[in-house]
C-alpha atoms as a PDB file:
ATOM      1  CA  MET A   1     161.279  43.798  78.436  1.00  0.00           C
ATOM      2  CA  PRO A   2     160.617  45.565  74.849  1.00  0.00           C
ATOM      3  CA  VAL A   3     160.517  49.412  74.698  1.00  0.00           C
ATOM      4  CA  THR A   4     157.740  51.152  75.213  1.00  0.00           C
ATOM      5  CA  THR A   5     156.340  54.650  74.298  1.00  0.00           C
ATOM      6  CA  HIS A   6     155.494  56.997  76.584  1.00  0.00           C
ATOM      7  CA  THR A   7     154.476  60.387  76.927  1.00  0.00           C
ATOM      8  CA  PHE A   8     155.110  63.140  79.129  1.00  0.00           C
ATOM      9  CA  ARG A   9     153.552  66.838  79.793  1.00  0.00           C
ATOM     10  CA  VAL A  10     156.451  69.454  80.187  1.00  0.00           C
ATOM     11  CA  GLU A  11     155.775  72.760  81.439  1.00  0.00           C
ATOM     12  CA  GLY A  12     158.194  75.658  81.741  1.00  0.00           C
ATOM     13  CA  MET A  13     160.030  75.492  78.425  1.00  0.00           C
ATOM     14  CA  HIS A  14     160.535  78.905  76.802  1.00  0.00           C
ATOM     15  CA  CYS A  15     162.479  78.222  73.531  1.00  0.00           C
ATOM     16  CA  GLY A  16     163.837  75.815  71.205  1.00  0.00           C
ATOM     17  CA  SER A  17     167.176  75.266  73.312  1.00  0.00           C
ATOM     18  CA  CYS A  18     164.645  74.159  76.441  1.00  0.00           C
ATOM     19  CA  SER A  19     163.631  70.977  74.488  1.00  0.00           C
ATOM     20  CA  LEU A  20     167.214  70.494  73.256  1.00  0.00           C
ATOM     21  CA  LEU A  21     168.238  69.986  76.694  1.00  0.00           C
ATOM     22  CA  ILE A  22     165.300  67.849  77.665  1.00  0.00           C
ATOM     23  CA  ASP A  23     166.165  65.242  75.167  1.00  0.00           C
ATOM     24  CA  ASP A  24     170.286  65.294  75.472  1.00  0.00           C
ATOM     25  CA  ALA A  25     169.313  64.635  79.042  1.00  0.00           C
ATOM     26  CA  LEU A  26     166.788  62.171  78.596  1.00  0.00           C
ATOM     27  CA  GLU A  27     168.785  60.372  76.020  1.00  0.00           C
ATOM     28  CA  ASP A  28     171.968  60.037  78.182  1.00  0.00           C
ATOM     29  CA  LEU A  29     169.611  57.999  80.875  1.00  0.00           C
ATOM     30  CA  PRO A  30     169.836  54.137  80.383  1.00  0.00           C
ATOM     31  CA  GLY A  31     167.211  52.364  78.548  1.00  0.00           C
ATOM     32  CA  VAL A  32     166.120  55.840  76.851  1.00  0.00           C
ATOM     33  CA  ARG A  33     166.133  54.733  73.027  1.00  0.00           C
ATOM     34  CA  GLY A  34     164.882  57.546  71.763  1.00  0.00           C
ATOM     35  CA  ALA A  35     163.400  61.446  73.417  1.00  0.00           C
ATOM     36  CA  ARG A  36     161.629  63.950  71.057  1.00  0.00           C
ATOM     37  CA  THR A  37     160.301  67.054  72.721  1.00  0.00           C
ATOM     38  CA  ALA A  38     157.689  69.215  71.444  1.00  0.00           C
ATOM     39  CA  LEU A  39     157.927  73.319  72.632  1.00  0.00           C
ATOM     40  CA  ARG A  40     154.745  74.320  71.264  1.00  0.00           C
ATOM     41  CA  GLN A  41     152.908  71.038  72.345  1.00  0.00           C
ATOM     42  CA  ALA A  42     154.374  71.216  75.774  1.00  0.00           C
ATOM     43  CA  ARG A  43     155.246  67.350  75.778  1.00  0.00           C
ATOM     44  CA  THR A  44     157.949  65.045  75.435  1.00  0.00           C
ATOM     45  CA  THR A  45     157.749  61.274  74.023  1.00  0.00           C
ATOM     46  CA  VAL A  46     160.130  58.773  74.879  1.00  0.00           C
ATOM     47  CA  GLU A  47     161.224  55.202  74.275  1.00  0.00           C
ATOM     48  CA  LEU A  48     161.991  53.723  77.142  1.00  0.00           C
ATOM     49  CA  ASP A  49     163.196  49.934  78.073  1.00  0.00           C
ATOM     50  CA  LEU A  50     161.459  49.502  81.443  1.00  0.00           C
ATOM     51  CA  ASP A  51     164.295  46.775  82.195  1.00  0.00           C
ATOM     52  CA  GLN A  52     166.072  49.589  82.926  1.00  0.00           C
ATOM     53  CA  ASN A  53     164.358  52.758  83.649  1.00  0.00           C
ATOM     54  CA  SER A  54     160.924  53.555  84.622  1.00  0.00           C
ATOM     55  CA  PRO A  55     158.445  56.566  83.665  1.00  0.00           C
ATOM     56  CA  GLN A  56     159.187  58.222  86.952  1.00  0.00           C
ATOM     57  CA  ASP A  57     162.913  58.232  86.508  1.00  0.00           C
ATOM     58  CA  VAL A  58     162.124  60.119  82.930  1.00  0.00           C
ATOM     59  CA  VAL A  59     160.246  62.856  85.072  1.00  0.00           C
ATOM     60  CA  ALA A  60     162.920  63.218  87.613  1.00  0.00           C
ATOM     61  CA  VAL A  61     165.684  63.772  84.873  1.00  0.00           C
ATOM     62  CA  ILE A  62     163.108  66.589  83.297  1.00  0.00           C
ATOM     63  CA  GLU A  63     162.472  67.896  86.841  1.00  0.00           C
ATOM     64  CA  GLU A  64     166.074  68.000  87.756  1.00  0.00           C
ATOM     65  CA  LEU A  65     166.481  70.671  84.532  1.00  0.00           C
ATOM     66  CA  GLY A  66     164.145  72.992  86.370  1.00  0.00           C
ATOM     67  CA  TYR A  67     160.852  72.046  84.439  1.00  0.00           C
ATOM     68  CA  GLN A  68     157.817  70.634  85.527  1.00  0.00           C
ATOM     69  CA  ALA A  69     157.013  66.952  83.921  1.00  0.00           C
ATOM     70  CA  SER A  70     153.866  64.568  84.325  1.00  0.00           C
ATOM     71  CA  PRO A  71     152.984  61.724  82.661  1.00  0.00           C
ATOM     72  CA  LEU A  72     150.111  61.457  80.179  1.00  0.00           C
ATOM     73  CA  PRO A  73     147.653  58.979  79.684  1.00  0.00           C
END
């Protein structure tokens, strides 16, 4: 399956380190080809291979870090 782009709302970030932490954790998830988290927009965009993981897996990783996440349309 091709890589698709998914955007998530992320709440609870307070500084640039929060966004870096999220990016690093997501990039360790199999199937993630890239992650870009924007603190000011409270969003993360993930390039994801759906054969290896799902958007729900991305939400789970973010929530394990202590933030709230939800997919955006």
